[in-house]
C-alpha cells in the first residue's frame, strides 16, 4: 500500500482539503506555495494514464472542484495543475495557486509552515469545497 493510500484511508494523518468516495485532496507537506494541494484517487494506481477513461474524467472533475475552492480560498490569477512525481507510486495531481509561472517552480525552496498554518489553510479550502 502506498503512502498516499494510507493517507486517504486515514492511517497516516494529513491536512484534508476535500474528499468523496473515489478521490481525496490534501495539502502537500513540502509546498511551493500556500495552498499547494495534492489530489489522488483512492484506488491505488501508479500512473495517471493507466486509469480507466471514465475514472480519469471523474478525477479531473473532482480536481476542478478542488481548484475552484483553492482559488476562492487563496485568490490568484489561476490554479496550476501539474502531473509529475516519481517518488510516490500513486497517481496524483498538484494544484498550486499562481500569479506567475515562477510560483510553480518545484526547484525553488519549499515553504516552511507550522502545523497551525497547515490546518488553517486546509480548513479554508475544505470550507470552500463544501459550499
Protein backbone atom coordinates (compact mmCIF):
# COMPACT_ATOMS: atom_id res chain seq x y z
CA UNK A 1 0.00 0.00 0.00
CA UNK A 2 1.44 3.41 -0.97
CA UNK A 3 1.83 6.25 1.48
CA UNK A 4 -0.93 8.12 -0.39
CA UNK A 5 -3.31 5.16 0.01
CA UNK A 6 -2.56 5.17 3.73
CA UNK A 7 -3.24 8.91 3.87
CA UNK A 8 -6.57 8.53 2.05
CA UNK A 9 -7.53 5.67 4.38
CA UNK A 10 -6.77 7.81 7.44
CA UNK A 11 -3.88 5.58 8.56
CA UNK A 12 -1.45 8.49 8.22
CA UNK A 13 -2.52 12.00 9.26
CA UNK A 14 -2.96 14.67 6.60
CA UNK A 15 -4.37 18.13 6.14
CA UNK A 16 -7.59 17.23 4.32
CA UNK A 17 -8.88 19.77 1.81
CA UNK A 18 -11.61 17.73 0.08
CA UNK A 19 -12.87 14.19 -0.40
CA UNK A 20 -15.54 11.97 -1.80
CA UNK A 21 -15.86 8.20 -2.09
CA UNK A 22 -13.40 8.00 -5.03
CA UNK A 23 -10.92 10.83 -4.51
CA UNK A 24 -9.05 12.63 -1.75
CA UNK A 25 -7.27 16.01 -1.64
CA UNK A 26 -4.75 17.11 0.99
CA UNK A 27 -2.01 19.67 1.45
CA UNK A 28 1.47 18.93 0.17
CA UNK A 29 3.75 18.94 3.23
CA UNK A 30 6.56 20.45 1.11
CA UNK A 31 4.59 23.21 -0.61
CA UNK A 32 5.91 25.54 -3.28
CA UNK A 33 3.06 27.97 -2.43
CA UNK A 34 0.42 28.39 0.27
CA UNK A 35 -2.47 26.13 -0.64
CA UNK A 36 -0.37 23.63 -2.66
CA UNK A 37 -2.73 20.66 -2.71
CA UNK A 38 -2.39 17.06 -3.88
CA UNK A 39 -5.38 15.28 -5.41
CA UNK A 40 -5.35 11.49 -5.56
CA UNK A 41 -7.64 8.63 -6.50
CA UNK A 42 -8.48 6.42 -3.54
CA UNK A 43 -7.89 3.42 -5.80
CA UNK A 44 -4.18 2.77 -5.89
CA UNK A 45 -2.85 3.28 -9.40
CA UNK A 46 0.74 4.33 -10.10
CA UNK A 47 0.46 6.06 -13.47
CA UNK A 48 -2.33 8.52 -14.14
CA UNK A 49 -2.70 7.34 -17.74
CA UNK A 50 -3.32 3.78 -16.55
CA UNK A 51 -6.63 4.97 -15.12
CA UNK A 52 -9.79 3.98 -16.98
CA UNK A 53 -11.27 6.72 -19.18
CA UNK A 54 -14.33 7.28 -17.00
CA UNK A 55 -12.20 7.30 -13.85
CA UNK A 56 -9.72 9.87 -15.20
CA UNK A 57 -12.65 12.03 -16.32
CA UNK A 58 -14.16 11.92 -12.80
CA UNK A 59 -10.69 12.60 -11.36
CA UNK A 60 -10.37 15.77 -13.44
CA UNK A 61 -13.87 16.95 -12.49
CA UNK A 62 -13.05 16.41 -8.80
CA UNK A 63 -9.72 18.25 -9.23
CA UNK A 64 -11.59 21.11 -10.93
CA UNK A 65 -13.90 21.46 -7.93
CA UNK A 66 -10.89 21.46 -5.59
CA UNK A 67 -9.16 24.06 -7.81
CA UNK A 68 -12.22 26.33 -7.61
CA UNK A 69 -12.23 26.01 -3.81
CA UNK A 70 -8.50 26.69 -3.73
CA UNK A 71 -8.87 29.81 -5.86
CA UNK A 72 -11.71 31.07 -3.65
CA UNK A 73 -9.63 30.45 -0.51
CA UNK A 74 -6.43 31.91 -1.98
CA UNK A 75 -7.26 34.48 -4.67
CA UNK A 76 -4.85 34.14 -7.58
CA UNK A 77 -4.77 34.51 -11.37
CA UNK A 78 -5.05 30.75 -11.95
CA UNK A 79 -4.58 27.43 -10.23
CA UNK A 80 -1.85 25.41 -11.90
CA UNK A 81 -2.41 21.72 -12.48
CA UNK A 82 0.81 19.73 -12.57
CA UNK A 83 1.17 15.98 -13.00
CA UNK A 84 4.64 14.78 -12.10
CA UNK A 85 6.41 12.88 -9.42
CA UNK A 86 8.20 9.58 -9.45
CA UNK A 87 8.84 9.38 -5.71
CA UNK A 88 5.35 8.09 -4.77
CA UNK A 89 3.92 5.24 -6.87
CA UNK A 90 0.38 6.63 -6.74
CA UNK A 91 -1.22 8.89 -9.37
CA UNK A 92 -1.58 12.45 -8.16
CA UNK A 93 -2.23 15.97 -9.34
CA UNK A 94 -0.58 19.04 -7.82
CA UNK A 95 -2.87 22.08 -7.62
CA UNK A 96 -0.96 25.30 -6.94
CA UNK A 97 -2.31 28.85 -6.68
CA UNK A 98 -0.31 31.02 -9.07
CA UNK A 99 0.05 34.60 -10.16
CA UNK A 100 3.18 33.97 -12.25
CA UNK A 101 4.75 30.84 -13.70
CA UNK A 102 7.57 31.22 -11.15
CA UNK A 103 5.03 30.25 -8.48
CA UNK A 104 5.10 26.70 -9.87
CA UNK A 105 8.86 26.19 -9.84
CA UNK A 106 9.50 22.93 -7.98
CA UNK A 107 13.24 23.68 -7.79
CA UNK A 108 12.78 26.70 -5.52
CA UNK A 109 12.99 26.43 -1.76
CA UNK A 110 9.83 24.95 -0.26
CA UNK A 111 7.76 26.90 2.24
CA UNK A 112 8.13 26.12 5.92
CA UNK A 113 4.74 26.24 7.63
CA UNK A 114 3.65 25.45 11.17
CA UNK A 115 1.04 22.79 11.94
CA UNK A 116 -1.37 25.60 12.77
CA UNK A 117 -0.76 27.25 9.38
CA UNK A 118 -1.28 23.94 7.55
CA UNK A 119 -4.52 23.35 9.47
CA UNK A 120 -5.77 26.87 8.79
CA UNK A 121 -5.02 26.54 5.05
CA UNK A 122 -6.67 23.11 4.78
CA UNK A 123 -9.74 24.27 6.71
CA UNK A 124 -10.09 27.30 4.45
CA UNK A 125 -10.00 25.14 1.29
CA UNK A 126 -12.32 22.49 2.81
CA UNK A 127 -14.85 25.20 3.73
CA UNK A 128 -14.89 26.50 0.15
CA UNK A 129 -15.07 22.96 -1.27
CA UNK A 130 -18.07 22.17 0.93
CA UNK A 131 -20.15 25.13 -0.32
